[in-house]
Amino acid sequence: MYKTTVLKTSFLILNICVGLSVNARQPKLLESVYNLRLKAPVSTWDEALPLGNGLTGGLLWGEQNTIRLSLDRGDLWDERTHGEKEWWKKYTHQKGADLIAITSRT
């Protein structure tokens, strides 16, 4: 008798929880003015939408139900030499302009 009552009560509570979760309303997402709307699918990476902050970036592309995000970092492809520290202090724009002026006179 006790097991039957516990089983019936558990079944009733389970039905109530399932019924409440089915009828619960999901919040609607508001239309945003910042959404990107494309007129045509972007099918190749070289037509992708560039996203990033200068160092870390991504390309957003895809078509139909597939969205691809290609991530990259600028310092992975930086081809500058790893010479002396703080080289930019030694080689300023003004020094470069002075060198050009000296060589153009000769």
N, C-alpha and C. Protein backbone atom coordinates (compact mmCIF):
# COMPACT_ATOMS: atom_id res chain seq x y z
N MET A 1 0.81 -1.19 0.00
CA MET A 1 0.00 0.00 0.00
C MET A 1 0.86 1.25 0.00
N TYR A 2 1.89 1.27 0.85
CA TYR A 2 2.76 2.44 0.95
C TYR A 2 3.49 2.68 -0.37
N LYS A 3 4.01 1.58 -0.98
CA LYS A 3 4.73 1.70 -2.26
C LYS A 3 3.80 2.21 -3.36
N THR A 4 2.57 1.78 -3.36
CA THR A 4 1.61 2.20 -4.37
C THR A 4 1.32 3.69 -4.23
N THR A 5 1.17 4.18 -3.03
CA THR A 5 0.89 5.60 -2.79
C THR A 5 2.08 6.46 -3.21
N VAL A 6 3.29 6.02 -2.87
CA VAL A 6 4.50 6.76 -3.25
C VAL A 6 4.65 6.78 -4.77
N LEU A 7 4.37 5.65 -5.39
CA LEU A 7 4.47 5.57 -6.85
C LEU A 7 3.45 6.47 -7.53
N LYS A 8 2.23 6.48 -7.05
CA LYS A 8 1.18 7.34 -7.63
C LYS A 8 1.52 8.82 -7.43
N THR A 9 2.00 9.17 -6.24
CA THR A 9 2.36 10.56 -5.96
C THR A 9 3.52 11.00 -6.84
N SER A 10 4.51 10.16 -6.98
CA SER A 10 5.67 10.48 -7.84
C SER A 10 5.23 10.67 -9.29
N PHE A 11 4.34 9.78 -9.74
CA PHE A 11 3.84 9.88 -11.10
C PHE A 11 3.05 11.17 -11.30
N LEU A 12 2.25 11.56 -10.32
CA LEU A 12 1.47 12.79 -10.40
C LEU A 12 2.38 14.02 -10.44
N ILE A 13 3.41 14.05 -9.59
CA ILE A 13 4.36 15.18 -9.57
C ILE A 13 5.11 15.26 -10.89
N LEU A 14 5.50 14.11 -11.43
CA LEU A 14 6.21 14.09 -12.71
C LEU A 14 5.32 14.63 -13.83
N ASN A 15 4.06 14.25 -13.86
CA ASN A 15 3.14 14.75 -14.88
C ASN A 15 2.93 16.25 -14.76
N ILE A 16 2.83 16.74 -13.55
CA ILE A 16 2.65 18.19 -13.35
C ILE A 16 3.88 18.94 -13.84
N CYS A 17 5.07 18.45 -13.52
CA CYS A 17 6.31 19.12 -13.96
C CYS A 17 6.44 19.12 -15.47
N VAL A 18 6.14 17.99 -16.09
CA VAL A 18 6.22 17.91 -17.55
C VAL A 18 5.18 18.83 -18.19
N GLY A 19 3.99 18.86 -17.65
CA GLY A 19 2.95 19.74 -18.18
C GLY A 19 3.32 21.21 -18.06
N LEU A 20 3.92 21.59 -16.94
CA LEU A 20 4.32 22.98 -16.77
C LEU A 20 5.47 23.35 -17.71
N SER A 21 6.39 22.43 -17.91
CA SER A 21 7.52 22.76 -18.79
C SER A 21 7.10 22.85 -20.25
N VAL A 22 6.14 22.06 -20.65
CA VAL A 22 5.65 22.11 -22.04
C VAL A 22 4.92 23.41 -22.29
N ASN A 23 4.14 23.87 -21.32
CA ASN A 23 3.35 25.08 -21.50
C ASN A 23 4.13 26.36 -21.19
N ALA A 24 5.33 26.23 -20.70
CA ALA A 24 6.12 27.43 -20.39
C ALA A 24 6.45 28.16 -21.68
N ARG A 25 6.32 29.46 -21.66
CA ARG A 25 6.59 30.26 -22.86
C ARG A 25 8.06 30.61 -22.92
N GLN A 26 8.62 30.42 -24.08
CA GLN A 26 10.01 30.80 -24.30
C GLN A 26 10.06 32.28 -24.64
N PRO A 27 11.03 33.01 -24.09
CA PRO A 27 11.10 34.44 -24.42
C PRO A 27 11.47 34.64 -25.89
N LYS A 28 10.83 35.61 -26.52
CA LYS A 28 11.13 35.92 -27.92
C LYS A 28 12.35 36.81 -27.99
N LEU A 29 13.21 36.52 -28.93
CA LEU A 29 14.36 37.38 -29.16
C LEU A 29 13.92 38.61 -29.92
N LEU A 30 14.34 39.74 -29.47
CA LEU A 30 13.96 40.99 -30.14
C LEU A 30 14.77 41.19 -31.40
N GLU A 31 14.16 41.84 -32.35
CA GLU A 31 14.85 42.19 -33.60
C GLU A 31 15.89 43.25 -33.28
N SER A 32 17.12 43.05 -33.70
CA SER A 32 18.20 43.97 -33.37
C SER A 32 18.62 44.77 -34.60
N VAL A 33 18.94 46.02 -34.40
CA VAL A 33 19.40 46.85 -35.52
C VAL A 33 20.83 46.52 -35.88
N TYR A 34 21.52 45.75 -35.04
CA TYR A 34 22.91 45.40 -35.30
C TYR A 34 23.08 44.04 -35.97
N ASN A 35 22.01 43.38 -36.31
CA ASN A 35 22.10 42.10 -37.01
C ASN A 35 22.64 42.31 -38.41
N LEU A 36 23.48 41.38 -38.84
CA LEU A 36 24.00 41.41 -40.21
C LEU A 36 23.03 40.66 -41.12
N ARG A 37 22.64 41.30 -42.18
CA ARG A 37 21.75 40.67 -43.15
C ARG A 37 22.42 40.73 -44.51
N LEU A 38 22.71 39.57 -45.05
CA LEU A 38 23.40 39.49 -46.33
C LEU A 38 22.40 39.20 -47.44
N LYS A 39 22.64 39.79 -48.60
CA LYS A 39 21.75 39.59 -49.73
C LYS A 39 22.03 38.27 -50.44
N ALA A 40 23.24 37.74 -50.28
CA ALA A 40 23.61 36.49 -50.94
C ALA A 40 24.50 35.69 -49.99
N PRO A 41 24.55 34.37 -50.17
CA PRO A 41 25.43 33.58 -49.31
C PRO A 41 26.90 33.85 -49.62
N VAL A 42 27.72 33.74 -48.61
CA VAL A 42 29.17 33.89 -48.78
C VAL A 42 29.73 32.48 -48.84
N SER A 43 30.08 32.03 -50.02
CA SER A 43 30.43 30.62 -50.21
C SER A 43 31.92 30.33 -50.13
N THR A 44 32.78 31.34 -50.23
CA THR A 44 34.22 31.09 -50.16
C THR A 44 34.86 32.00 -49.11
N TRP A 45 36.00 31.56 -48.60
CA TRP A 45 36.66 32.29 -47.51
C TRP A 45 37.14 33.66 -47.94
N ASP A 46 37.47 33.85 -49.22
CA ASP A 46 38.00 35.15 -49.65
C ASP A 46 36.91 36.21 -49.82
N GLU A 47 35.65 35.82 -49.67
CA GLU A 47 34.55 36.78 -49.68
C GLU A 47 33.94 36.92 -48.29
N ALA A 48 34.59 36.36 -47.29
CA ALA A 48 34.03 36.29 -45.94
C ALA A 48 33.98 37.66 -45.26
N LEU A 49 33.20 37.75 -44.19
CA LEU A 49 33.10 38.96 -43.40
C LEU A 49 34.25 38.98 -42.39
N PRO A 50 35.12 39.98 -42.45
CA PRO A 50 36.23 40.03 -41.48
C PRO A 50 35.75 40.56 -40.14
N LEU A 51 36.16 39.90 -39.08
CA LEU A 51 35.85 40.30 -37.71
C LEU A 51 37.14 40.26 -36.91
N GLY A 52 37.33 41.18 -36.00
CA GLY A 52 38.51 41.09 -35.16
C GLY A 52 38.94 42.42 -34.59
N ASN A 53 40.08 42.39 -33.91
CA ASN A 53 40.58 43.58 -33.23
C ASN A 53 41.98 43.98 -33.69
N GLY A 54 42.49 43.41 -34.75
CA GLY A 54 43.80 43.75 -35.24
C GLY A 54 44.83 42.66 -34.97
N LEU A 55 44.76 42.04 -33.82
CA LEU A 55 45.68 40.95 -33.50
C LEU A 55 44.99 39.59 -33.70
N THR A 56 43.83 39.44 -33.11
CA THR A 56 43.04 38.23 -33.28
C THR A 56 41.88 38.55 -34.20
N GLY A 57 41.70 37.70 -35.20
CA GLY A 57 40.64 37.98 -36.15
C GLY A 57 39.97 36.72 -36.62
N GLY A 58 38.90 36.92 -37.35
CA GLY A 58 38.17 35.79 -37.88
C GLY A 58 37.49 36.15 -39.18
N LEU A 59 37.17 35.13 -39.93
CA LEU A 59 36.41 35.27 -41.16
C LEU A 59 35.13 34.48 -41.00
N LEU A 60 34.00 35.13 -41.19
CA LEU A 60 32.70 34.49 -41.05
C LEU A 60 32.13 34.24 -42.45
N TRP A 61 31.88 32.99 -42.75
CA TRP A 61 31.38 32.65 -44.07
C TRP A 61 30.62 31.34 -44.02
N GLY A 62 29.93 31.02 -45.09
CA GLY A 62 29.17 29.79 -45.19
C GLY A 62 27.93 30.00 -46.03
N GLU A 63 27.22 28.93 -46.25
CA GLU A 63 25.98 29.01 -47.01
C GLU A 63 25.02 27.94 -46.53
N GLN A 64 23.77 28.12 -46.84
CA GLN A 64 22.67 27.25 -46.42
C GLN A 64 22.67 27.15 -44.90
N ASN A 65 22.76 25.97 -44.32
CA ASN A 65 22.72 25.81 -42.87
C ASN A 65 24.09 25.65 -42.25
N THR A 66 25.14 25.96 -42.99
CA THR A 66 26.51 25.83 -42.48
C THR A 66 27.13 27.20 -42.32
N ILE A 67 27.60 27.49 -41.13
CA ILE A 67 28.33 28.73 -40.87
C ILE A 67 29.74 28.35 -40.45
N ARG A 68 30.71 28.97 -41.08
CA ARG A 68 32.12 28.69 -40.77
C ARG A 68 32.75 29.94 -40.18
N LEU A 69 33.61 29.74 -39.20
CA LEU A 69 34.36 30.82 -38.59
C LEU A 69 35.82 30.41 -38.60
N SER A 70 36.62 31.09 -39.42
CA SER A 70 38.06 30.82 -39.49
C SER A 70 38.77 31.81 -38.58
N LEU A 71 39.44 31.30 -37.55
CA LEU A 71 40.13 32.15 -36.59
C LEU A 71 41.62 32.21 -36.90
N ASP A 72 42.24 33.34 -36.58
CA ASP A 72 43.66 33.51 -36.84
C ASP A 72 44.22 34.58 -35.90
N ARG A 73 45.53 34.60 -35.79
CA ARG A 73 46.22 35.63 -35.00
C ARG A 73 47.28 36.28 -35.89
N GLY A 74 47.40 37.58 -35.75
CA GLY A 74 48.33 38.32 -36.58
C GLY A 74 49.78 37.98 -36.31
N ASP A 75 50.13 37.67 -35.07
CA ASP A 75 51.53 37.40 -34.76
C ASP A 75 51.99 36.03 -35.26
N LEU A 76 51.08 35.19 -35.72
CA LEU A 76 51.50 33.92 -36.31
C LEU A 76 52.10 34.12 -37.69
N TRP A 77 51.67 35.17 -38.38
CA TRP A 77 52.09 35.41 -39.75
C TRP A 77 52.97 36.65 -39.88
N ASP A 78 53.38 37.23 -38.78
CA ASP A 78 54.21 38.42 -38.79
C ASP A 78 55.61 38.06 -39.29
N GLU A 79 56.04 38.69 -40.38
CA GLU A 79 57.32 38.35 -40.98
C GLU A 79 58.43 39.33 -40.64
N ARG A 80 58.18 40.19 -39.66
CA ARG A 80 59.24 41.10 -39.25
C ARG A 80 60.35 40.33 -38.54
N THR A 81 61.54 40.84 -38.64
CA THR A 81 62.66 40.17 -37.98
C THR A 81 62.55 40.34 -36.48
N HIS A 82 63.13 39.43 -35.78
CA HIS A 82 63.15 39.50 -34.32
C HIS A 82 64.54 39.97 -33.90
N GLY A 83 64.87 41.17 -34.33
CA GLY A 83 66.19 41.75 -34.06
C GLY A 83 66.26 42.38 -32.68
N GLU A 84 66.90 43.53 -32.65
CA GLU A 84 67.12 44.19 -31.37
C GLU A 84 65.81 44.63 -30.73
N LYS A 85 65.83 44.72 -29.40
CA LYS A 85 64.64 45.13 -28.67
C LYS A 85 64.38 46.62 -28.88
N GLU A 86 63.12 46.98 -28.92
CA GLU A 86 62.65 48.35 -29.07
C GLU A 86 63.31 49.06 -30.27
N TRP A 87 63.36 48.35 -31.40
CA TRP A 87 63.96 48.90 -32.62
C TRP A 87 63.22 50.12 -33.12
N TRP A 88 61.92 50.22 -32.79
CA TRP A 88 61.12 51.34 -33.27
C TRP A 88 61.55 52.67 -32.66
N LYS A 89 62.23 52.63 -31.52
CA LYS A 89 62.72 53.87 -30.92
C LYS A 89 63.96 54.38 -31.68
N LYS A 90 64.74 53.47 -32.21
CA LYS A 90 65.95 53.84 -32.93
C LYS A 90 65.63 54.28 -34.36
N TYR A 91 64.70 53.63 -35.00
CA TYR A 91 64.37 53.93 -36.39
C TYR A 91 63.02 54.64 -36.44
N THR A 92 63.04 55.93 -36.24
CA THR A 92 61.81 56.72 -36.24
C THR A 92 61.49 57.22 -37.65
N HIS A 93 60.31 57.76 -37.81
CA HIS A 93 59.90 58.31 -39.10
C HIS A 93 60.79 59.49 -39.50
N GLN A 94 61.12 60.31 -38.52
CA GLN A 94 61.96 61.48 -38.81
C GLN A 94 63.35 61.06 -39.28
N LYS A 95 63.93 60.06 -38.65
CA LYS A 95 65.25 59.58 -39.09
C LYS A 95 65.18 59.00 -40.50
N GLY A 96 64.10 58.32 -40.81
CA GLY A 96 63.94 57.80 -42.16
C GLY A 96 63.80 58.91 -43.18
N ALA A 97 63.03 59.94 -42.85
CA ALA A 97 62.87 61.07 -43.76
C ALA A 97 64.20 61.80 -43.96
N ASP A 98 65.01 61.94 -42.89
CA ASP A 98 66.33 62.58 -43.01
C ASP A 98 67.25 61.77 -43.90
N LEU A 99 67.23 60.43 -43.77
CA LEU A 99 68.06 59.58 -44.63
C LEU A 99 67.65 59.69 -46.09
N ILE A 100 66.38 59.77 -46.35
CA ILE A 100 65.89 59.92 -47.73
C ILE A 100 66.33 61.27 -48.29
N ALA A 101 66.26 62.29 -47.47
CA ALA A 101 66.66 63.63 -47.92
C ALA A 101 68.15 63.66 -48.23
N ILE A 102 68.96 63.01 -47.41
CA ILE A 102 70.42 62.98 -47.64
C ILE A 102 70.74 62.20 -48.91
N THR A 103 70.13 61.07 -49.11
CA THR A 103 70.43 60.26 -50.30
C THR A 103 69.89 60.87 -51.57
N SER A 104 68.82 61.66 -51.48
CA SER A 104 68.29 62.28 -52.70
C SER A 104 69.15 63.45 -53.16
N ARG A 105 69.95 64.04 -52.26
CA ARG A 105 70.83 65.13 -52.63
C ARG A 105 72.05 64.64 -53.40
N THR A 106 72.42 63.42 -53.18
CA THR A 106 73.64 62.90 -53.85
C THR A 106 73.37 62.30 -55.18
